[in-house]
Amino acid sequence: MTAPAHTGLLTLAREIALAAGGLARERREAGATIAATKSSAEDIVTHADRETEALIRALIADARPNDGFYGEESDASAGTSGLTWVVDPIDGTVNYLYGIPAYAVSIAVVEGDPDPAGWTALAGAVFNPAAGELFTAMAGAGAFLADRTLRANTGVPLELALIGTGFSYSASRRVEQATAVRELIGRVRDIRRIGSAALDLCGVAAGRLDLYYERGLHPWDHAAGALIARESGARVGGFGVDREGSELLIAGAPDLYDAFEPLLAEIFAAGPAAAGA
């Protein structure tokens, strides 16, 4: 697709993220309530998740009726245009439930099958309504926080790197992932667990984290954030590949990524943490 078409997609993603974020913030102020649980008792969906995704889906369908849709809280639909909108209406739902101001609306539009292994991300927006921060990126055009250009931190030695990560909703898997953190934390500056993959990836882009890794993510968790991180100069991928997936996502400046990847592989291979995918 041409650059002007990408610009239109980014404009739409930005506008819808702001509208959806406004709705999510209003519902949070009124008091978030759990609608259901999913994979475990800890894996929740609020009424606001569903309402926000319904708004996003309706706005996209109105503006681009031939595009596909792939969201966390509703059935996927194929389009005829070759483009799919990959959406997490509230990334960081547990934060949202507790009133922790680290949750985000994440909207990306990708070309090709809605699978990170093969899609091309064209535009993305991540909006944190609690902080009023809007992160955006368009393929080949850089990453931004509002109007400020973002650049991932470079030249950071591994032992001085601030690392972000996340944990599974499965209690047993969290224990395994904590084992990996225990092995890692003495070899880096420190580790942060913010609770939103989209915001972690934007944090790498903004220099708030030096590197981020996580296993078990879904495409909607990282579609927009991974594009924003890449456009800031970060490398995003997994073990031995430049494509992120459910097995692993690593994001950081290429020099730090290259130092971190073999260490993480060593830790995962050494014991029970390898099962934390």
Protein backbone atom coordinates (compact mmCIF):
# COMPACT_ATOMS: atom_id res chain seq x y z
CA MET A 1 0.00 0.00 0.00
CA THR A 2 1.10 3.58 -0.58
CA ALA A 3 2.25 5.99 2.12
CA PRO A 4 -0.89 8.18 1.85
CA ALA A 5 -3.01 5.08 2.49
CA HIS A 6 -0.91 4.31 5.56
CA THR A 7 -1.43 7.86 6.77
CA GLY A 8 -5.17 7.43 6.54
CA LEU A 9 -4.98 4.17 8.45
CA LEU A 10 -2.91 5.78 11.19
CA THR A 11 -5.32 8.70 11.46
CA LEU A 12 -8.21 6.28 11.86
CA ALA A 13 -6.35 4.15 14.42
CA ARG A 14 -5.48 7.26 16.42
CA GLU A 15 -9.03 8.64 16.37
CA ILE A 16 -10.61 5.35 17.35
CA ALA A 17 -8.06 4.73 20.12
CA LEU A 18 -8.87 8.12 21.62
CA ALA A 19 -12.62 7.55 21.40
CA ALA A 20 -12.38 4.04 22.87
CA GLY A 21 -10.02 5.23 25.59
CA GLY A 22 -12.47 7.92 26.55
CA LEU A 23 -15.20 5.33 26.96
CA ALA A 24 -12.94 3.03 28.98
CA ARG A 25 -11.96 5.89 31.27
CA GLU A 26 -15.61 6.86 31.83
CA ARG A 27 -16.49 3.28 32.74
CA ARG A 28 -13.49 3.03 35.07
CA GLU A 29 -14.56 6.20 36.88
CA ALA A 30 -18.04 4.74 37.30
CA GLY A 31 -16.57 1.52 38.74
CA ALA A 32 -15.30 -1.44 36.73
CA THR A 33 -17.14 -4.74 37.12
CA ILE A 34 -16.16 -8.27 36.07
CA ALA A 35 -18.28 -9.77 33.31
CA ALA A 36 -16.65 -13.21 33.15
CA THR A 37 -13.47 -15.22 33.60
CA LYS A 38 -11.62 -16.91 30.77
CA SER A 39 -8.60 -19.22 31.04
CA SER A 40 -8.47 -19.01 34.85
CA ALA A 41 -10.08 -17.19 37.76
CA GLU A 42 -7.37 -14.54 37.42
CA ASP A 43 -8.01 -14.08 33.67
CA ILE A 44 -10.94 -11.69 33.69
CA VAL A 45 -12.97 -9.64 31.25
CA THR A 46 -14.87 -6.60 32.43
CA HIS A 47 -18.07 -5.22 30.99
CA ALA A 48 -15.97 -2.26 29.85
CA ASP A 49 -13.67 -4.56 27.81
CA ARG A 50 -16.64 -5.81 25.86
CA GLU A 51 -18.27 -2.42 25.47
CA THR A 52 -15.02 -0.80 24.35
CA GLU A 53 -14.31 -3.50 21.78
CA ALA A 54 -17.86 -3.19 20.43
CA LEU A 55 -17.30 0.55 19.94
CA ILE A 56 -13.96 0.00 18.20
CA ARG A 57 -15.42 -2.65 15.95
CA ALA A 58 -18.38 -0.48 14.99
CA LEU A 59 -16.19 2.54 14.20
CA ILE A 60 -13.85 0.46 12.03
CA ALA A 61 -16.76 -1.19 10.21
CA ASP A 62 -18.30 2.20 9.51
CA ALA A 63 -15.06 3.66 8.13
CA ARG A 64 -13.65 0.56 6.39
CA PRO A 65 -16.36 -2.08 5.89
CA ASN A 66 -14.15 -4.34 3.75
CA ASP A 67 -11.43 -4.83 6.36
CA GLY A 68 -11.14 -7.80 8.71
CA PHE A 69 -11.27 -7.63 12.49
CA TYR A 70 -9.37 -9.66 15.09
CA GLY A 71 -10.01 -8.66 18.68
CA GLU A 72 -9.64 -10.19 22.12
CA GLU A 73 -13.27 -10.10 23.21
CA SER A 74 -15.31 -10.98 20.11
CA ASP A 75 -15.26 -13.34 17.14
CA ALA A 76 -12.81 -12.62 14.35
CA SER A 77 -14.13 -11.71 10.93
CA ALA A 78 -12.34 -11.88 7.59
CA GLY A 79 -12.46 -8.99 5.16
CA THR A 80 -11.90 -8.64 1.44
CA SER A 81 -9.36 -5.80 1.45
CA GLY A 82 -6.37 -7.80 2.69
CA LEU A 83 -6.21 -5.67 5.84
CA THR A 84 -7.14 -6.72 9.38
CA TRP A 85 -7.52 -4.62 12.52
CA VAL A 86 -5.93 -6.34 15.52
CA VAL A 87 -7.40 -4.94 18.72
CA ASP A 88 -7.06 -5.21 22.47
CA PRO A 89 -9.78 -2.95 23.91
CA ILE A 90 -8.19 -2.81 27.37
CA ASP A 91 -4.70 -4.24 27.69
CA GLY A 92 -3.99 -4.53 31.39
CA THR A 93 -7.49 -5.49 32.51
CA VAL A 94 -6.44 -6.40 36.06
CA ASN A 95 -4.79 -2.98 36.41
CA TYR A 96 -7.99 -1.48 35.07
CA LEU A 97 -10.12 -3.38 37.57
CA TYR A 98 -7.99 -2.20 40.50
CA GLY A 99 -7.70 1.38 39.31
CA ILE A 100 -3.96 1.13 38.58
CA PRO A 101 -3.26 3.76 35.89
CA ALA A 102 -1.39 1.40 33.54
CA TYR A 103 -3.86 0.10 30.97
CA ALA A 104 -4.27 0.86 27.31
CA VAL A 105 -6.39 0.63 24.19
CA SER A 106 -4.26 -1.06 21.52
CA ILE A 107 -5.22 -0.85 17.83
CA ALA A 108 -3.14 -2.01 14.87
CA VAL A 109 -3.91 -2.59 11.22
CA VAL A 110 -1.94 -5.31 9.46
CA GLU A 111 -1.64 -6.57 5.90
CA GLY A 112 -1.86 -10.31 5.30
CA ASP A 113 -3.15 -13.08 7.53
CA PRO A 114 -3.64 -11.94 11.14
CA ASP A 115 -0.65 -13.95 12.32
CA PRO A 116 2.52 -12.23 13.58
CA ALA A 117 4.63 -14.79 11.73
CA GLY A 118 3.55 -13.40 8.37
CA TRP A 119 1.68 -10.12 8.68
CA THR A 120 3.03 -6.67 7.86
CA ALA A 121 1.97 -4.11 10.43
CA LEU A 122 1.10 -0.83 8.73
CA ALA A 123 -0.08 1.47 11.51
CA GLY A 124 -0.76 1.30 15.21
CA ALA A 125 -1.92 3.34 18.18
CA VAL A 126 -1.68 2.63 21.90
CA PHE A 127 -3.56 5.00 24.20
CA ASN A 128 -3.29 5.08 27.98
CA PRO A 129 -6.42 7.00 29.06
CA ALA A 130 -5.31 7.30 32.69
CA ALA A 131 -2.10 9.11 31.71
CA GLY A 132 -3.47 10.79 28.59
CA GLU A 133 -0.59 9.36 26.54
CA LEU A 134 -1.02 8.38 22.90
CA PHE A 135 1.74 6.35 21.24
CA THR A 136 1.60 5.91 17.47
CA ALA A 137 3.64 4.50 14.61
CA MET A 138 3.35 3.97 10.88
CA ALA A 139 5.53 1.57 8.91
CA GLY A 140 8.68 3.36 7.80
CA ALA A 141 7.72 6.66 9.41
CA GLY A 142 8.93 6.42 13.01
CA ALA A 143 7.29 6.16 16.41
CA PHE A 144 5.78 9.00 18.42
CA LEU A 145 4.39 9.93 21.82
CA ALA A 146 1.99 12.70 20.81
CA ASP A 147 4.29 14.79 18.56
CA ARG A 148 7.58 13.66 20.12
CA THR A 149 9.74 11.26 18.15
CA LEU A 150 10.70 8.16 20.13
CA ARG A 151 14.02 6.35 20.09
CA ALA A 152 14.84 3.17 21.98
CA ASN A 153 17.83 3.36 24.32
CA THR A 154 21.09 2.20 22.76
CA GLY A 155 24.53 1.47 24.17
CA VAL A 156 23.18 0.06 27.43
CA PRO A 157 25.28 -2.83 28.81
CA LEU A 158 23.23 -5.82 29.91
CA GLU A 159 24.22 -5.44 33.56
CA LEU A 160 22.77 -1.90 33.57
CA ALA A 161 19.61 -2.69 31.62
CA LEU A 162 16.16 -2.09 33.09
CA ILE A 163 14.07 -5.03 31.88
CA GLY A 164 10.30 -5.35 31.65
CA THR A 165 8.39 -8.63 31.63
CA GLY A 166 4.97 -10.09 32.30
CA PHE A 167 3.44 -13.19 33.83
CA SER A 168 0.83 -15.74 32.82
CA TYR A 169 -2.70 -15.92 34.22
CA SER A 170 -1.90 -19.52 35.20
CA ALA A 171 -0.58 -19.69 38.77
CA SER A 172 1.66 -22.69 38.07
CA ARG A 173 3.15 -21.02 35.03
CA ARG A 174 3.76 -17.81 36.99
CA VAL A 175 5.86 -19.81 39.43
CA GLU A 176 7.96 -21.11 36.53
CA GLN A 177 8.31 -17.62 35.09
CA ALA A 178 9.35 -16.29 38.49
CA THR A 179 12.14 -18.86 38.50
CA ALA A 180 13.46 -17.29 35.31
CA VAL A 181 13.23 -13.84 36.88
CA ARG A 182 15.17 -15.08 39.91
CA GLU A 183 17.99 -16.26 37.65
CA LEU A 184 17.95 -13.04 35.61
CA ILE A 185 17.55 -10.31 38.19
CA GLY A 186 21.11 -10.48 39.50
CA ARG A 187 22.52 -9.98 36.01
CA VAL A 188 20.67 -6.77 35.04
CA ARG A 189 19.93 -3.40 36.65
CA ASP A 190 16.41 -4.43 37.72
CA ILE A 191 13.15 -5.90 36.45
CA ARG A 192 9.73 -4.27 36.15
CA ARG A 193 6.32 -5.95 35.81
CA ILE A 194 3.88 -3.23 34.69
CA GLY A 195 0.96 -5.42 33.65
CA SER A 196 0.37 -4.31 30.06
CA ALA A 197 2.37 -5.72 27.15
CA ALA A 198 1.30 -2.82 24.93
CA LEU A 199 2.61 -0.25 27.42
CA ASP A 200 5.80 -2.25 28.01
CA LEU A 201 6.56 -2.17 24.30
CA CYS A 202 5.81 1.55 24.16
CA GLY A 203 8.06 1.90 27.22
CA VAL A 204 10.93 0.41 25.22
CA ALA A 205 10.20 2.85 22.41
CA ALA A 206 10.14 5.79 24.83
CA GLY A 207 13.32 4.77 26.68
CA ARG A 208 11.45 4.01 29.90
CA LEU A 209 12.61 0.39 29.65
CA ASP A 210 15.79 -0.80 28.01
CA LEU A 211 14.35 -4.16 27.02
CA TYR A 212 11.16 -6.20 27.40
CA TYR A 213 10.49 -9.92 27.12
CA GLU A 214 7.46 -12.12 27.67
CA ARG A 215 6.15 -15.57 26.77
CA GLY A 216 2.56 -16.57 26.04
CA LEU A 217 1.35 -13.33 24.47
CA HIS A 218 -1.57 -13.19 22.04
CA PRO A 219 -1.40 -11.23 18.76
CA TRP A 220 -3.65 -8.45 20.06
CA ASP A 221 -1.36 -7.95 23.06
CA HIS A 222 1.54 -6.77 20.94
CA ALA A 223 0.37 -5.92 17.40
CA ALA A 224 0.47 -2.15 17.85
CA GLY A 225 3.18 -2.05 20.51
CA ALA A 226 5.62 -4.14 18.50
CA LEU A 227 5.28 -1.78 15.52
CA ILE A 228 5.86 1.23 17.78
CA ALA A 229 8.94 -0.43 19.30
CA ARG A 230 10.34 -1.34 15.87
CA GLU A 231 9.78 2.14 14.51
CA SER A 232 11.72 3.52 17.50
CA GLY A 233 14.75 1.49 16.42
CA ALA A 234 14.23 -1.54 18.63
CA ARG A 235 14.63 -5.08 17.38
CA VAL A 236 11.54 -7.20 18.07
CA GLY A 237 11.58 -10.97 17.72
CA GLY A 238 12.10 -14.29 19.46
CA PHE A 239 14.79 -16.91 19.74
CA GLY A 240 16.73 -16.86 16.48
CA VAL A 241 14.02 -15.07 14.52
CA ASP A 242 12.94 -11.50 13.83
CA ARG A 243 9.28 -12.36 14.39
CA GLU A 244 7.59 -12.31 17.75
CA GLY A 245 5.02 -14.93 18.69
CA SER A 246 3.32 -16.70 21.56
CA GLU A 247 6.51 -18.65 22.36
CA LEU A 248 8.51 -15.50 23.01
CA LEU A 249 8.72 -11.78 22.37
CA ILE A 250 11.90 -9.81 23.01
CA ALA A 251 12.15 -6.08 22.26
CA GLY A 252 15.15 -3.82 22.73
CA ALA A 253 17.93 -2.02 20.91
CA PRO A 254 19.75 -4.47 18.61
CA ASP A 255 22.97 -4.44 20.66
CA LEU A 256 21.18 -5.16 23.92
CA TYR A 257 18.92 -7.74 22.25
CA ASP A 258 21.99 -9.60 21.00
CA ALA A 259 23.48 -9.68 24.50
CA PHE A 260 20.22 -10.67 26.20
CA GLU A 261 18.91 -13.39 23.88
CA PRO A 262 21.61 -16.02 24.64
CA LEU A 263 21.35 -15.35 28.37
CA LEU A 264 17.60 -15.84 28.31
CA ALA A 265 17.98 -19.01 26.23
CA GLU A 266 20.47 -20.34 28.78
CA ILE A 267 18.10 -19.61 31.66
CA PHE A 268 15.10 -21.20 29.96
CA ALA A 269 17.13 -24.28 29.00
CA ALA A 270 18.51 -24.76 32.49
CA GLY A 271 15.40 -25.86 34.33
CA PRO A 272 11.67 -25.60 34.97
CA ALA A 273 11.47 -22.06 33.62
CA ALA A 274 11.66 -23.55 30.14
CA ALA A 275 8.05 -24.62 30.62
CA GLY A 276 6.94 -21.05 31.15
CA ALA A 277 5.89 -20.50 27.55
